[in-house]
Amino acid sequence: MDDPAHLQRTRHAYDVVARSFADLLPGLDAETALDVAVLDDFAHRCRTAGLGPVADVGCGAGRVSAHLAAAGLDVVGYDLSPGMVDTARRDHPGLRFEVAALHDLPVADGALGGLLAWYSLIHTPPAELRAAAAEFARVTAAGAPLLTAFQAGTGERVERAHGYGHAVTFTNHRHDPQVVADVLTGAGFDVVVRLHRAAEGRERTPQHLITAQRRS
């Protein structure tokens, strides 16, 4: 079965911008100090749990995967875009990256000791959040940490006609934080920490971060 049209558009857009994206965002300089602290807390939780490899779902060009690997995690990155995965492999040759959609991961049930979805759900329509959360629950072991971050809103859809120096179309969804928290809870996660912060720098919307743990 062919992928839905919105996945095809997202894949194409990131294939086009992959190299520019990696050049513009080579590391975590775009993240706030608070964001980096939350990522480091997630890495600490994964190390402490010691339940297996950690997936960076929607890994892009691998910049956050590299940060987690430097923190001592066994990381594998998954991204919908073959162009992004090729770029990640070139820029981070010591790490593993595979092409996969976040709702259909090539991972055995309960095989992951952690899962990161760092601004990966922003292209997922609200109606598909439950399917994504169910897949996250399927692949994570009991007790495994999960961290997701996204642009907060009330579920509105935003179309962008340009990105990273290219004329490509991106469809973003600004998810309601309570909806995301409820979806994760319903899928089998216990929400541990929620952090809501105002927009900073070039950001236009508030940001929301959720740390959760796979329920036993």
Protein backbone atom coordinates (compact mmCIF):
# COMPACT_ATOMS: atom_id res chain seq x y z
CA MET A 1 0.00 0.00 0.00
CA ASP A 2 1.28 3.45 -0.88
CA ASP A 3 1.97 5.92 1.92
CA PRO A 4 -0.66 8.63 2.55
CA ALA A 5 -0.18 11.82 0.56
CA HIS A 6 0.95 13.83 3.59
CA LEU A 7 3.79 11.36 4.24
CA GLN A 8 4.86 11.51 0.61
CA ARG A 9 4.94 15.32 0.72
CA THR A 10 6.90 15.34 3.97
CA ARG A 11 9.39 12.78 2.66
CA HIS A 12 9.92 14.77 -0.54
CA ALA A 13 10.39 18.06 1.31
CA TYR A 14 13.04 16.65 3.62
CA ASP A 15 14.80 14.86 0.77
CA VAL A 16 15.15 18.24 -0.94
CA VAL A 17 16.41 20.14 2.11
CA ALA A 18 18.51 17.41 3.74
CA ARG A 19 21.96 18.83 3.05
CA SER A 20 20.90 22.42 3.79
CA PHE A 21 19.20 21.30 6.99
CA ALA A 22 22.36 19.56 8.19
CA ASP A 23 24.54 22.56 7.33
CA LEU A 24 22.22 25.03 9.08
CA LEU A 25 21.70 22.83 12.16
CA PRO A 26 24.91 20.83 12.67
CA GLY A 27 24.49 20.46 16.43
CA LEU A 28 22.28 21.65 19.27
CA ASP A 29 23.01 25.37 18.97
CA ALA A 30 19.36 25.98 18.00
CA GLU A 31 18.13 24.40 21.25
CA THR A 32 17.82 26.39 24.44
CA ALA A 33 19.91 25.45 27.46
CA LEU A 34 16.71 24.15 29.04
CA ASP A 35 15.99 21.93 26.04
CA VAL A 36 19.49 20.46 26.20
CA ALA A 37 19.07 19.84 29.92
CA VAL A 38 15.86 17.90 29.23
CA LEU A 39 17.65 15.84 26.57
CA ASP A 40 20.44 15.12 29.03
CA ASP A 41 17.89 14.11 31.67
CA PHE A 42 16.37 11.70 29.14
CA ALA A 43 19.82 10.24 28.43
CA HIS A 44 20.38 9.81 32.16
CA ARG A 45 17.05 8.03 32.55
CA CYS A 46 17.91 5.67 29.68
CA ARG A 47 21.33 4.88 31.10
CA THR A 48 19.87 4.25 34.54
CA ALA A 49 17.12 1.99 33.19
CA GLY A 50 19.62 0.03 31.09
CA LEU A 51 16.92 -1.68 29.05
CA GLY A 52 18.49 -1.65 25.59
CA PRO A 53 19.10 0.55 22.56
CA VAL A 54 17.43 3.93 22.21
CA ALA A 55 15.60 5.08 19.08
CA ASP A 56 15.72 8.64 17.79
CA VAL A 57 12.50 8.64 15.79
CA GLY A 58 12.39 11.32 13.11
CA CYS A 59 16.14 11.77 13.54
CA GLY A 60 16.66 14.07 10.56
CA ALA A 61 20.35 14.50 9.81
CA GLY A 62 21.36 12.89 13.09
CA ARG A 63 22.37 15.85 15.21
CA VAL A 64 20.43 14.76 18.32
CA SER A 65 21.36 11.13 17.78
CA ALA A 66 25.00 12.19 17.94
CA HIS A 67 24.38 14.08 21.18
CA LEU A 68 22.76 11.04 22.78
CA ALA A 69 25.55 8.77 21.58
CA ALA A 70 28.10 11.13 23.12
CA ALA A 71 26.13 10.79 26.37
CA GLY A 72 26.78 7.05 26.33
CA LEU A 73 23.64 5.67 24.71
CA ASP A 74 23.40 2.96 22.04
CA VAL A 75 21.36 4.96 19.53
CA VAL A 76 19.70 4.10 16.25
CA GLY A 77 18.06 6.87 14.22
CA TYR A 78 14.97 6.42 12.07
CA ASP A 79 13.66 8.93 9.56
CA LEU A 80 11.01 8.97 6.86
CA SER A 81 13.35 10.72 4.41
CA PRO A 82 16.03 8.67 2.59
CA GLY A 83 17.83 11.95 1.90
CA MET A 84 18.02 12.74 5.59
CA VAL A 85 19.22 9.23 6.41
CA ASP A 86 21.93 9.39 3.74
CA THR A 87 23.07 12.75 5.14
CA ALA A 88 23.06 11.41 8.70
CA ARG A 89 25.16 8.42 7.66
CA ARG A 90 27.71 10.66 5.95
CA ASP A 91 27.91 13.16 8.80
CA HIS A 92 27.90 10.58 11.61
CA PRO A 93 29.53 7.44 10.19
CA GLY A 94 29.85 5.74 13.56
CA LEU A 95 26.09 5.70 14.18
CA ARG A 96 23.22 3.66 12.75
CA PHE A 97 20.44 5.24 10.72
CA GLU A 98 17.55 3.59 8.89
CA VAL A 99 14.64 4.75 6.74
CA ALA A 100 11.32 4.23 8.53
CA ALA A 101 8.10 6.06 9.35
CA LEU A 102 7.41 6.67 13.03
CA HIS A 103 4.11 4.78 12.88
CA ASP A 104 5.77 1.68 11.35
CA LEU A 105 9.16 1.07 12.95
CA PRO A 106 11.22 -2.02 11.98
CA VAL A 107 11.70 -2.95 15.62
CA ALA A 108 10.59 -6.02 17.59
CA ASP A 109 8.03 -5.65 20.34
CA GLY A 110 9.58 -4.27 23.53
CA ALA A 111 13.08 -4.11 22.05
CA LEU A 112 13.89 -0.48 22.86
CA GLY A 113 15.24 0.89 26.11
CA GLY A 114 14.13 4.42 25.25
CA LEU A 115 12.50 6.45 22.50
CA LEU A 116 13.02 10.08 21.51
CA ALA A 117 10.57 11.92 19.25
CA TRP A 118 12.24 15.35 19.15
CA TYR A 119 9.96 17.58 17.06
CA SER A 120 9.02 14.46 15.10
CA LEU A 121 5.26 14.61 15.70
CA ILE A 122 4.93 18.10 14.20
CA HIS A 123 4.05 16.62 10.79
CA THR A 124 1.63 14.05 12.24
CA PRO A 125 -2.05 15.08 11.96
CA PRO A 126 -3.90 15.08 15.30
CA ALA A 127 -6.08 12.19 14.13
CA GLU A 128 -2.95 10.01 13.75
CA LEU A 129 -1.38 10.71 17.14
CA ARG A 130 -2.95 7.62 18.71
CA ALA A 131 -1.45 5.36 16.06
CA ALA A 132 1.98 6.91 16.59
CA ALA A 133 1.74 6.53 20.37
CA ALA A 134 0.61 2.92 20.00
CA GLU A 135 3.68 2.19 17.90
CA PHE A 136 5.92 3.88 20.47
CA ALA A 137 4.37 1.68 23.15
CA ARG A 138 4.77 -1.46 21.05
CA VAL A 139 8.52 -1.06 20.54
CA THR A 140 9.52 0.09 24.05
CA ALA A 141 10.27 -2.17 27.00
CA ALA A 142 8.42 -1.79 30.29
CA GLY A 143 10.10 1.01 32.22
CA ALA A 144 11.69 2.58 29.14
CA PRO A 145 11.80 6.40 29.04
CA LEU A 146 10.20 8.42 26.25
CA LEU A 147 10.75 12.09 25.44
CA THR A 148 8.85 14.14 22.91
CA ALA A 149 8.99 17.85 22.11
CA PHE A 150 6.73 19.84 19.82
CA GLN A 151 5.34 23.27 19.01
CA ALA A 152 2.33 23.81 21.24
CA GLY A 153 -1.05 25.00 20.06
CA THR A 154 -4.64 23.87 19.83
CA GLY A 155 -4.26 21.43 16.96
CA GLU A 156 -4.01 24.02 14.22
CA ARG A 157 -2.46 23.16 10.86
CA VAL A 158 0.19 25.50 9.43
CA GLU A 159 1.44 25.41 5.83
CA ARG A 160 4.96 26.57 5.01
CA ALA A 161 6.01 27.21 1.41
CA HIS A 162 9.74 27.54 2.09
CA GLY A 163 12.23 25.88 4.37
CA TYR A 164 15.99 25.76 4.83
CA GLY A 165 16.60 27.80 1.70
CA HIS A 166 14.31 25.81 -0.61
CA ALA A 167 10.85 26.29 -2.10
CA VAL A 168 9.21 23.19 -0.63
CA THR A 169 5.94 22.67 1.19
CA PHE A 170 5.83 21.61 4.84
CA THR A 171 2.63 20.94 6.76
CA ASN A 172 3.08 21.45 10.50
CA HIS A 173 0.62 20.64 13.27
CA ARG A 174 0.75 22.58 16.54
CA HIS A 175 -0.52 19.97 18.95
CA ASP A 176 -2.50 20.59 22.11
CA PRO A 177 -0.15 19.51 24.95
CA GLN A 178 -2.96 17.94 26.97
CA VAL A 179 -4.07 15.91 23.97
CA VAL A 180 -0.54 14.56 23.47
CA ALA A 181 -0.21 13.74 27.17
CA ASP A 182 -3.58 11.96 27.16
CA VAL A 183 -2.69 10.00 24.02
CA LEU A 184 0.57 8.82 25.56
CA THR A 185 -1.19 7.85 28.77
CA GLY A 186 -3.81 5.93 26.83
CA ALA A 187 -1.12 4.08 24.88
CA GLY A 188 0.57 2.79 28.03
CA PHE A 189 2.94 5.51 29.21
CA ASP A 190 3.03 7.30 32.55
CA VAL A 191 3.80 11.00 32.12
CA VAL A 192 6.65 11.95 34.43
CA VAL A 193 7.51 15.55 33.51
CA ARG A 194 5.80 18.19 31.41
CA LEU A 195 7.57 21.42 30.56
CA HIS A 196 5.88 24.31 28.79
CA ARG A 197 7.97 27.30 27.80
CA ALA A 198 7.50 30.52 25.87
CA ALA A 199 8.91 31.01 22.40
CA GLU A 200 12.54 32.12 22.36
CA GLY A 201 14.76 33.51 19.63
CA ARG A 202 13.30 32.77 16.20
CA GLU A 203 10.53 30.56 17.56
CA ARG A 204 6.98 31.75 16.93
CA THR A 205 5.03 29.53 19.29
CA PRO A 206 5.32 28.10 22.79
CA GLN A 207 7.13 24.78 23.05
CA HIS A 208 6.10 21.73 25.06
CA LEU A 209 8.24 18.82 26.24
CA ILE A 210 6.93 15.59 27.76
CA THR A 211 9.01 12.94 29.50
CA ALA A 212 7.17 9.67 30.08
CA GLN A 213 7.89 6.07 31.04
CA ARG A 214 6.50 2.89 29.52
CA ARG A 215 4.09 1.35 31.97
CA SER A 216 4.86 -2.12 33.32
